[in-house]
Amino acid sequence: MSLNATEFAATKVSRTSDTEVEATRLFDAPPHLVWRAWTTPELFQRWWAPRSMGVPMHVRELDVRVGGGYRIEFEAEGGQVWAFFGKYI
């Protein structure tokens, strides 16, 4: 399989049901480094939301075990907080 740089950079997001969203992205990196990037809060914050968005992001919880949870918060203007949270199943 041969992929170009654009295929690696693209994130594909689809809504699979009323309560589920699936995000797919290819990384040109060995699996152990991709795992660390997804499971280490400091690394996750560096790549998941680019600084160019202009909205600070904070990983409040990132317990990637089955039954564990995640909570990611974005700080908007005026002190508003947008949060994404859920449970790994």
PDB file of N, CA and C in Angstrom:
ATOM      1  N   MET A   1       0.845  -1.171   0.000  1.00  0.00           N
ATOM      2  CA  MET A   1       0.000   0.000   0.000  1.00  0.00           C
ATOM      3  C   MET A   1       0.889   1.232   0.000  1.00  0.00           C
ATOM      4  N   SER A   2       0.643   2.120  -0.907  1.00  0.00           N
ATOM      5  CA  SER A   2       1.434   3.331  -1.012  1.00  0.00           C
ATOM      6  C   SER A   2       0.518   4.540  -0.843  1.00  0.00           C
ATOM      7  N   LEU A   3       0.818   5.367   0.148  1.00  0.00           N
ATOM      8  CA  LEU A   3      -0.006   6.545   0.427  1.00  0.00           C
ATOM      9  C   LEU A   3       0.834   7.793   0.268  1.00  0.00           C
ATOM     10  N   ASN A   4       0.204   8.874  -0.166  1.00  0.00           N
ATOM     11  CA  ASN A   4       0.935  10.138  -0.262  1.00  0.00           C
ATOM     12  C   ASN A   4       0.721  10.959   1.005  1.00  0.00           C
ATOM     13  N   ALA A   5       1.435  12.062   1.147  1.00  0.00           N
ATOM     14  CA  ALA A   5       1.381  12.894   2.356  1.00  0.00           C
ATOM     15  C   ALA A   5      -0.019  13.417   2.629  1.00  0.00           C
ATOM     16  N   THR A   6      -0.787  13.729   1.606  1.00  0.00           N
ATOM     17  CA  THR A   6      -2.142  14.242   1.800  1.00  0.00           C
ATOM     18  C   THR A   6      -3.026  13.189   2.448  1.00  0.00           C
ATOM     19  N   GLU A   7      -2.857  11.935   2.060  1.00  0.00           N
ATOM     20  CA  GLU A   7      -3.665  10.865   2.652  1.00  0.00           C
ATOM     21  C   GLU A   7      -3.323  10.659   4.120  1.00  0.00           C
ATOM     22  N   PHE A   8      -2.076  10.893   4.504  1.00  0.00           N
ATOM     23  CA  PHE A   8      -1.708  10.772   5.907  1.00  0.00           C
ATOM     24  C   PHE A   8      -2.280  11.924   6.725  1.00  0.00           C
ATOM     25  N   ALA A   9      -2.331  13.109   6.169  1.00  0.00           N
ATOM     26  CA  ALA A   9      -2.765  14.290   6.920  1.00  0.00           C
ATOM     27  C   ALA A   9      -4.278  14.375   7.078  1.00  0.00           C
ATOM     28  N   ALA A  10      -5.034  13.741   6.204  1.00  0.00           N
ATOM     29  CA  ALA A  10      -6.484  13.884   6.212  1.00  0.00           C
ATOM     30  C   ALA A  10      -7.128  13.102   7.355  1.00  0.00           C
ATOM     31  N   THR A  11      -8.057  13.732   8.046  1.00  0.00           N
ATOM     32  CA  THR A  11      -8.869  13.069   9.057  1.00  0.00           C
ATOM     33  C   THR A  11     -10.267  12.925   8.484  1.00  0.00           C
ATOM     34  N   LYS A  12     -10.771  11.712   8.512  1.00  0.00           N
ATOM     35  CA  LYS A  12     -12.116  11.447   8.013  1.00  0.00           C
ATOM     36  C   LYS A  12     -13.036  11.249   9.207  1.00  0.00           C
ATOM     37  N   VAL A  13     -14.126  12.006   9.251  1.00  0.00           N
ATOM     38  CA  VAL A  13     -15.076  11.925  10.356  1.00  0.00           C
ATOM     39  C   VAL A  13     -16.437  11.559   9.792  1.00  0.00           C
ATOM     40  N   SER A  14     -17.069  10.571  10.407  1.00  0.00           N
ATOM     41  CA  SER A  14     -18.413  10.192   9.983  1.00  0.00           C
ATOM     42  C   SER A  14     -19.268   9.916  11.208  1.00  0.00           C
ATOM     43  N   ARG A  15     -20.529  10.231  11.074  1.00  0.00           N
ATOM     44  CA  ARG A  15     -21.491   9.972  12.149  1.00  0.00           C
ATOM     45  C   ARG A  15     -22.067   8.590  11.896  1.00  0.00           C
ATOM     46  N   THR A  16     -21.799   7.653  12.799  1.00  0.00           N
ATOM     47  CA  THR A  16     -22.219   6.271  12.586  1.00  0.00           C
ATOM     48  C   THR A  16     -23.583   5.968  13.192  1.00  0.00           C
ATOM     49  N   SER A  17     -24.052   6.815  14.097  1.00  0.00           N
ATOM     50  CA  SER A  17     -25.393   6.683  14.681  1.00  0.00           C
ATOM     51  C   SER A  17     -25.738   8.009  15.350  1.00  0.00           C
ATOM     52  N   ASP A  18     -26.870   8.064  16.010  1.00  0.00           N
ATOM     53  CA  ASP A  18     -27.269   9.296  16.711  1.00  0.00           C
ATOM     54  C   ASP A  18     -26.353   9.619  17.880  1.00  0.00           C
ATOM     55  N   THR A  19     -25.617   8.621  18.370  1.00  0.00           N
ATOM     56  CA  THR A  19     -24.774   8.831  19.547  1.00  0.00           C
ATOM     57  C   THR A  19     -23.300   8.522  19.305  1.00  0.00           C
ATOM     58  N   GLU A  20     -22.921   8.239  18.058  1.00  0.00           N
ATOM     59  CA  GLU A  20     -21.544   7.848  17.790  1.00  0.00           C
ATOM     60  C   GLU A  20     -20.952   8.626  16.623  1.00  0.00           C
ATOM     61  N   VAL A  21     -19.685   8.980  16.797  1.00  0.00           N
ATOM     62  CA  VAL A  21     -18.914   9.621  15.742  1.00  0.00           C
ATOM     63  C   VAL A  21     -17.637   8.811  15.588  1.00  0.00           C
ATOM     64  N   GLU A  22     -17.248   8.547  14.348  1.00  0.00           N
ATOM     65  CA  GLU A  22     -16.021   7.800  14.085  1.00  0.00           C
ATOM     66  C   GLU A  22     -15.037   8.703  13.354  1.00  0.00           C
ATOM     67  N   ALA A  23     -13.832   8.791  13.896  1.00  0.00           N
ATOM     68  CA  ALA A  23     -12.771   9.588  13.264  1.00  0.00           C
ATOM     69  C   ALA A  23     -11.663   8.631  12.845  1.00  0.00           C
ATOM     70  N   THR A  24     -11.216   8.761  11.593  1.00  0.00           N
ATOM     71  CA  THR A  24     -10.166   7.909  11.055  1.00  0.00           C
ATOM     72  C   THR A  24      -9.053   8.796  10.517  1.00  0.00           C
ATOM     73  N   ARG A  25      -7.827   8.473  10.914  1.00  0.00           N
ATOM     74  CA  ARG A  25      -6.678   9.230  10.438  1.00  0.00           C
ATOM     75  C   ARG A  25      -5.480   8.290  10.343  1.00  0.00           C
ATOM     76  N   LEU A  26      -4.724   8.398   9.279  1.00  0.00           N
ATOM     77  CA  LEU A  26      -3.527   7.592   9.100  1.00  0.00           C
ATOM     78  C   LEU A  26      -2.307   8.399   9.537  1.00  0.00           C
ATOM     79  N   PHE A  27      -1.393   7.735  10.231  1.00  0.00           N
ATOM     80  CA  PHE A  27      -0.171   8.371  10.691  1.00  0.00           C
ATOM     81  C   PHE A  27       1.024   7.655  10.100  1.00  0.00           C
ATOM     82  N   ASP A  28       1.996   8.395   9.634  1.00  0.00           N
ATOM     83  CA  ASP A  28       3.227   7.835   9.111  1.00  0.00           C
ATOM     84  C   ASP A  28       4.201   7.691  10.274  1.00  0.00           C
ATOM     85  N   ALA A  29       3.884   6.741  11.162  1.00  0.00           N
ATOM     86  CA  ALA A  29       4.692   6.537  12.368  1.00  0.00           C
ATOM     87  C   ALA A  29       4.469   5.110  12.862  1.00  0.00           C
ATOM     88  N   PRO A  30       5.411   4.582  13.621  1.00  0.00           N
ATOM     89  CA  PRO A  30       5.228   3.234  14.162  1.00  0.00           C
ATOM     90  C   PRO A  30       4.092   3.209  15.188  1.00  0.00           C
ATOM     91  N   PRO A  31       3.398   2.084  15.309  1.00  0.00           N
ATOM     92  CA  PRO A  31       2.247   1.992  16.221  1.00  0.00           C
ATOM     93  C   PRO A  31       2.533   2.427  17.659  1.00  0.00           C
ATOM     94  N   HIS A  32       3.713   2.108  18.200  1.00  0.00           N
ATOM     95  CA  HIS A  32       3.982   2.468  19.599  1.00  0.00           C
ATOM     96  C   HIS A  32       4.024   3.991  19.796  1.00  0.00           C
ATOM     97  N   LEU A  33       4.474   4.739  18.793  1.00  0.00           N
ATOM     98  CA  LEU A  33       4.486   6.203  18.919  1.00  0.00           C
ATOM     99  C   LEU A  33       3.087   6.788  18.771  1.00  0.00           C
ATOM    100  N   VAL A  34       2.296   6.209  17.880  1.00  0.00           N
ATOM    101  CA  VAL A  34       0.901   6.662  17.738  1.00  0.00           C
ATOM    102  C   VAL A  34       0.146   6.393  19.035  1.00  0.00           C
ATOM    103  N   TRP A  35       0.365   5.234  19.641  1.00  0.00           N
ATOM    104  CA  TRP A  35      -0.287   4.899  20.915  1.00  0.00           C
ATOM    105  C   TRP A  35       0.080   5.929  21.994  1.00  0.00           C
ATOM    106  N   ARG A  36       1.370   6.260  22.099  1.00  0.00           N
ATOM    107  CA  ARG A  36       1.791   7.257  23.089  1.00  0.00           C
ATOM    108  C   ARG A  36       1.138   8.607  22.828  1.00  0.00           C
ATOM    109  N   ALA A  37       1.027   8.991  21.542  1.00  0.00           N
ATOM    110  CA  ALA A  37       0.410  10.279  21.202  1.00  0.00           C
ATOM    111  C   ALA A  37      -1.071  10.319  21.587  1.00  0.00           C
ATOM    112  N   TRP A  38      -1.745   9.187  21.553  1.00  0.00           N
ATOM    113  CA  TRP A  38      -3.171   9.115  21.916  1.00  0.00           C
ATOM    114  C   TRP A  38      -3.382   8.950  23.415  1.00  0.00           C
ATOM    115  N   THR A  39      -2.398   8.426  24.145  1.00  0.00           N
ATOM    116  CA  THR A  39      -2.623   8.053  25.543  1.00  0.00           C
ATOM    117  C   THR A  39      -1.880   8.900  26.558  1.00  0.00           C
ATOM    118  N   THR A  40      -1.026   9.796  26.125  1.00  0.00           N
ATOM    119  CA  THR A  40      -0.281  10.677  27.021  1.00  0.00           C
ATOM    120  C   THR A  40      -0.877  12.077  26.912  1.00  0.00           C
ATOM    121  N   PRO A  41      -1.523  12.571  27.986  1.00  0.00           N
ATOM    122  CA  PRO A  41      -2.219  13.867  27.896  1.00  0.00           C
ATOM    123  C   PRO A  41      -1.378  14.996  27.309  1.00  0.00           C
ATOM    124  N   GLU A  42      -0.105  15.115  27.710  1.00  0.00           N
ATOM    125  CA  GLU A  42       0.742  16.197  27.216  1.00  0.00           C
ATOM    126  C   GLU A  42       0.966  16.100  25.705  1.00  0.00           C
ATOM    127  N   LEU A  43       1.136  14.889  25.206  1.00  0.00           N
ATOM    128  CA  LEU A  43       1.325  14.695  23.762  1.00  0.00           C
ATOM    129  C   LEU A  43       0.010  14.888  23.012  1.00  0.00           C
ATOM    130  N   PHE A  44      -1.066  14.368  23.562  1.00  0.00           N
ATOM    131  CA  PHE A  44      -2.383  14.498  22.939  1.00  0.00           C
ATOM    132  C   PHE A  44      -2.735  15.968  22.720  1.00  0.00           C
ATOM    133  N   GLN A  45      -2.484  16.793  23.720  1.00  0.00           N
ATOM    134  CA  GLN A  45      -2.768  18.237  23.626  1.00  0.00           C
ATOM    135  C   GLN A  45      -1.977  18.905  22.517  1.00  0.00           C
ATOM    136  N   ARG A  46      -0.791  18.392  22.225  1.00  0.00           N
ATOM    137  CA  ARG A  46       0.077  19.027  21.220  1.00  0.00           C
ATOM    138  C   ARG A  46      -0.394  18.811  19.790  1.00  0.00           C
ATOM    139  N   TRP A  47      -1.070  17.704  19.516  1.00  0.00           N
ATOM    140  CA  TRP A  47      -1.409  17.417  18.122  1.00  0.00           C
ATOM    141  C   TRP A  47      -2.902  17.398  17.836  1.00  0.00           C
ATOM    142  N   TRP A  48      -3.748  17.110  18.808  1.00  0.00           N
ATOM    143  CA  TRP A  48      -5.167  16.891  18.528  1.00  0.00           C
ATOM    144  C   TRP A  48      -5.874  18.153  18.055  1.00  0.00           C
ATOM    145  N   ALA A  49      -5.576  19.261  18.657  1.00  0.00           N
ATOM    146  CA  ALA A  49      -6.164  20.540  18.231  1.00  0.00           C
ATOM    147  C   ALA A  49      -5.016  21.501  17.954  1.00  0.00           C
ATOM    148  N   PRO A  50      -4.811  21.851  16.712  1.00  0.00           N
ATOM    149  CA  PRO A  50      -3.685  22.727  16.384  1.00  0.00           C
ATOM    150  C   PRO A  50      -3.818  24.113  17.007  1.00  0.00           C
ATOM    151  N   ARG A  51      -2.692  24.701  17.361  1.00  0.00           N
ATOM    152  CA  ARG A  51      -2.678  26.051  17.939  1.00  0.00           C
ATOM    153  C   ARG A  51      -3.321  27.065  17.005  1.00  0.00           C
ATOM    154  N   SER A  52      -3.277  26.776  15.701  1.00  0.00           N
ATOM    155  CA  SER A  52      -3.843  27.711  14.731  1.00  0.00           C
ATOM    156  C   SER A  52      -5.346  27.900  14.925  1.00  0.00           C
ATOM    157  N   MET A  53      -6.000  26.989  15.665  1.00  0.00           N
ATOM    158  CA  MET A  53      -7.426  27.163  15.963  1.00  0.00           C
ATOM    159  C   MET A  53      -7.642  28.385  16.848  1.00  0.00           C
ATOM    160  N   GLY A  54      -6.615  28.734  17.621  1.00  0.00           N
ATOM    161  CA  GLY A  54      -6.707  29.898  18.483  1.00  0.00           C
ATOM    162  C   GLY A  54      -7.528  29.684  19.746  1.00  0.00           C
ATOM    163  N   VAL A  55      -7.824  28.431  20.068  1.00  0.00           N
ATOM    164  CA  VAL A  55      -8.607  28.115  21.266  1.00  0.00           C
ATOM    165  C   VAL A  55      -7.786  27.159  22.120  1.00  0.00           C
ATOM    166  N   PRO A  56      -7.397  27.573  23.336  1.00  0.00           N
ATOM    167  CA  PRO A  56      -6.618  26.678  24.196  1.00  0.00           C
ATOM    168  C   PRO A  56      -7.385  25.399  24.534  1.00  0.00           C
ATOM    169  N   MET A  57      -6.688  24.268  24.499  1.00  0.00           N
ATOM    170  CA  MET A  57      -7.276  22.972  24.819  1.00  0.00           C
ATOM    171  C   MET A  57      -6.572  22.374  26.027  1.00  0.00           C
ATOM    172  N   HIS A  58      -7.358  21.723  26.885  1.00  0.00           N
ATOM    173  CA  HIS A  58      -6.815  21.060  28.074  1.00  0.00           C
ATOM    174  C   HIS A  58      -7.388  19.654  28.159  1.00  0.00           C
ATOM    175  N   VAL A  59      -6.513  18.682  28.363  1.00  0.00           N
ATOM    176  CA  VAL A  59      -6.958  17.313  28.597  1.00  0.00           C
ATOM    177  C   VAL A  59      -7.148  17.177  30.101  1.00  0.00           C
ATOM    178  N   ARG A  60      -8.376  16.993  30.528  1.00  0.00           N
ATOM    179  CA  ARG A  60      -8.682  16.876  31.960  1.00  0.00           C
ATOM    180  C   ARG A  60      -8.666  15.428  32.423  1.00  0.00           C
ATOM    181  N   GLU A  61      -9.009  14.513  31.526  1.00  0.00           N
ATOM    182  CA  GLU A  61      -8.999  13.085  31.847  1.00  0.00           C
ATOM    183  C   GLU A  61      -8.710  12.327  30.561  1.00  0.00           C
ATOM    184  N   LEU A  62      -7.879  11.294  30.656  1.00  0.00           N
ATOM    185  CA  LEU A  62      -7.551  10.475  29.494  1.00  0.00           C
ATOM    186  C   LEU A  62      -7.167   9.091  29.998  1.00  0.00           C
ATOM    187  N   ASP A  63      -8.168   8.331  30.410  1.00  0.00           N
ATOM    188  CA  ASP A  63      -7.982   6.975  30.923  1.00  0.00           C
ATOM    189  C   ASP A  63      -8.453   6.025  29.827  1.00  0.00           C
ATOM    190  N   VAL A  64      -7.521   5.532  29.010  1.00  0.00           N
ATOM    191  CA  VAL A  64      -7.878   4.816  27.795  1.00  0.00           C
ATOM    192  C   VAL A  64      -8.196   3.332  27.998  1.00  0.00           C
ATOM    193  N   ARG A  65      -8.330   2.901  29.223  1.00  0.00           N
ATOM    194  CA  ARG A  65      -8.743   1.513  29.476  1.00  0.00           C
ATOM    195  C   ARG A  65     -10.234   1.362  29.180  1.00  0.00           C
ATOM    196  N   VAL A  66     -10.664   0.125  28.871  1.00  0.00           N
ATOM    197  CA  VAL A  66     -12.099  -0.132  28.712  1.00  0.00           C
ATOM    198  C   VAL A  66     -12.785   0.269  30.010  1.00  0.00           C
ATOM    199  N   GLY A  67     -13.804   1.104  29.901  1.00  0.00           N
ATOM    200  CA  GLY A  67     -14.500   1.622  31.071  1.00  0.00           C
ATOM    201  C   GLY A  67     -13.929   2.942  31.566  1.00  0.00           C
ATOM    202  N   GLY A  68     -12.746   3.304  31.078  1.00  0.00           N
ATOM    203  CA  GLY A  68     -12.129   4.571  31.461  1.00  0.00           C
ATOM    204  C   GLY A  68     -12.788   5.730  30.725  1.00  0.00           C
ATOM    205  N   GLY A  69     -12.498   6.923  31.169  1.00  0.00           N
ATOM    206  CA  GLY A  69     -13.134   8.085  30.566  1.00  0.00           C
ATOM    207  C   GLY A  69     -12.148   9.082  29.995  1.00  0.00           C
ATOM    208  N   TYR A  70     -12.704  10.029  29.260  1.00  0.00           N
ATOM    209  CA  TYR A  70     -11.912  11.140  28.748  1.00  0.00           C
ATOM    210  C   TYR A  70     -12.736  12.416  28.875  1.00  0.00           C
ATOM    211  N   ARG A  71     -12.034  13.498  29.069  1.00  0.00           N
ATOM    212  CA  ARG A  71     -12.649  14.822  29.095  1.00  0.00           C
ATOM    213  C   ARG A  71     -11.637  15.805  28.543  1.00  0.00           C
ATOM    214  N   ILE A  72     -12.044  16.499  27.499  1.00  0.00           N
ATOM    215  CA  ILE A  72     -11.201  17.480  26.831  1.00  0.00           C
ATOM    216  C   ILE A  72     -11.966  18.795  26.839  1.00  0.00           C
ATOM    217  N   GLU A  73     -11.323  19.859  27.275  1.00  0.00           N
ATOM    218  CA  GLU A  73     -11.983  21.161  27.353  1.00  0.00           C
ATOM    219  C   GLU A  73     -11.274  22.190  26.485  1.00  0.00           C
ATOM    220  N   PHE A  74     -12.081  23.008  25.835  1.00  0.00           N
ATOM    221  CA  PHE A  74     -11.586  24.141  25.057  1.00  0.00           C
ATOM    222  C   PHE A  74     -12.044  25.410  25.738  1.00  0.00           C
ATOM    223  N   GLU A  75     -11.148  26.384  25.864  1.00  0.00           N
ATOM    224  CA  GLU A  75     -11.483  27.676  26.460  1.00  0.00           C
ATOM    225  C   GLU A  75     -11.836  28.658  25.360  1.00  0.00           C
ATOM    226  N   ALA A  76     -13.049  29.163  25.389  1.00  0.00           N
ATOM    227  CA  ALA A  76     -13.486  30.142  24.397  1.00  0.00           C
ATOM    228  C   ALA A  76     -13.408  31.538  24.996  1.00  0.00           C
ATOM    229  N   GLU A  77     -13.620  32.532  24.160  1.00  0.00           N
ATOM    230  CA  GLU A  77     -13.630  33.914  24.646  1.00  0.00           C
ATOM    231  C   GLU A  77     -14.727  34.090  25.682  1.00  0.00           C
ATOM    232  N   GLY A  78     -14.500  34.989  26.614  1.00  0.00           N
ATOM    233  CA  GLY A  78     -15.500  35.273  27.640  1.00  0.00           C
ATOM    234  C   GLY A  78     -15.589  34.214  28.716  1.00  0.00           C
ATOM    235  N   GLY A  79     -14.598  33.328  28.808  1.00  0.00           N
ATOM    236  CA  GLY A  79     -14.582  32.318  29.857  1.00  0.00           C
ATOM    237  C   GLY A  79     -15.449  31.099  29.573  1.00  0.00           C
ATOM    238  N   GLN A  80     -16.030  31.019  28.389  1.00  0.00           N
ATOM    239  CA  GLN A  80     -16.824  29.852  28.033  1.00  0.00           C
ATOM    240  C   GLN A  80     -15.935  28.632  27.900  1.00  0.00           C
ATOM    241  N   VAL A  81     -16.440  27.466  28.310  1.00  0.00           N
ATOM    242  CA  VAL A  81     -15.708  26.210  28.179  1.00  0.00           C
ATOM    243  C   VAL A  81     -16.556  25.248  27.362  1.00  0.00           C
ATOM    244  N   TRP A  82     -15.931  24.692  26.318  1.00  0.00           N
ATOM    245  CA  TRP A  82     -16.581  23.652  25.517  1.00  0.00           C
ATOM    246  C   TRP A  82     -15.916  22.341  25.901  1.00  0.00           C
ATOM    247  N   ALA A  83     -16.700  21.358  26.291  1.00  0.00           N
ATOM    248  CA  ALA A  83     -16.132  20.092  26.748  1.00  0.00           C
ATOM    249  C   ALA A  83     -16.610  18.928  25.893  1.00  0.00           C
ATOM    250  N   PHE A  84     -15.680  18.015  25.621  1.00  0.00           N
ATOM    251  CA  PHE A  84     -15.979  16.738  24.998  1.00  0.00           C
ATOM    252  C   PHE A  84     -15.648  15.685  26.049  1.00  0.00           C
ATOM    253  N   PHE A  85     -16.543  14.763  26.278  1.00  0.00           N
ATOM    254  CA  PHE A  85     -16.262  13.746  27.271  1.00  0.00           C
ATOM    255  C   PHE A  85     -16.989  12.457  26.900  1.00  0.00           C
ATOM    256  N   GLY A  86     -16.512  11.368  27.453  1.00  0.00           N
ATOM    257  CA  GLY A  86     -17.133  10.089  27.175  1.00  0.00           C
ATOM    258  C   GLY A  86     -16.380   8.968  27.857  1.00  0.00           C
ATOM    259  N   LYS A  87     -16.736   7.755  27.462  1.00  0.00           N
ATOM    260  CA  LYS A  87     -16.175   6.567  28.081  1.00  0.00           C
ATOM    261  C   LYS A  87     -15.677   5.634  26.990  1.00  0.00           C
ATOM    262  N   TYR A  88     -14.540   5.025  27.227  1.00  0.00           N
ATOM    263  CA  TYR A  88     -14.003   4.037  26.294  1.00  0.00           C
ATOM    264  C   TYR A  88     -14.726   2.721  26.490  1.00  0.00           C
ATOM    265  N   ILE A  89     -15.295   2.221  25.412  1.00  0.00           N
ATOM    266  CA  ILE A  89     -16.007   0.948  25.511  1.00  0.00           C
ATOM    267  C   ILE A  89     -15.311  -0.124  24.704  1.00  0.00           C
TER     268      ILE A  89
END
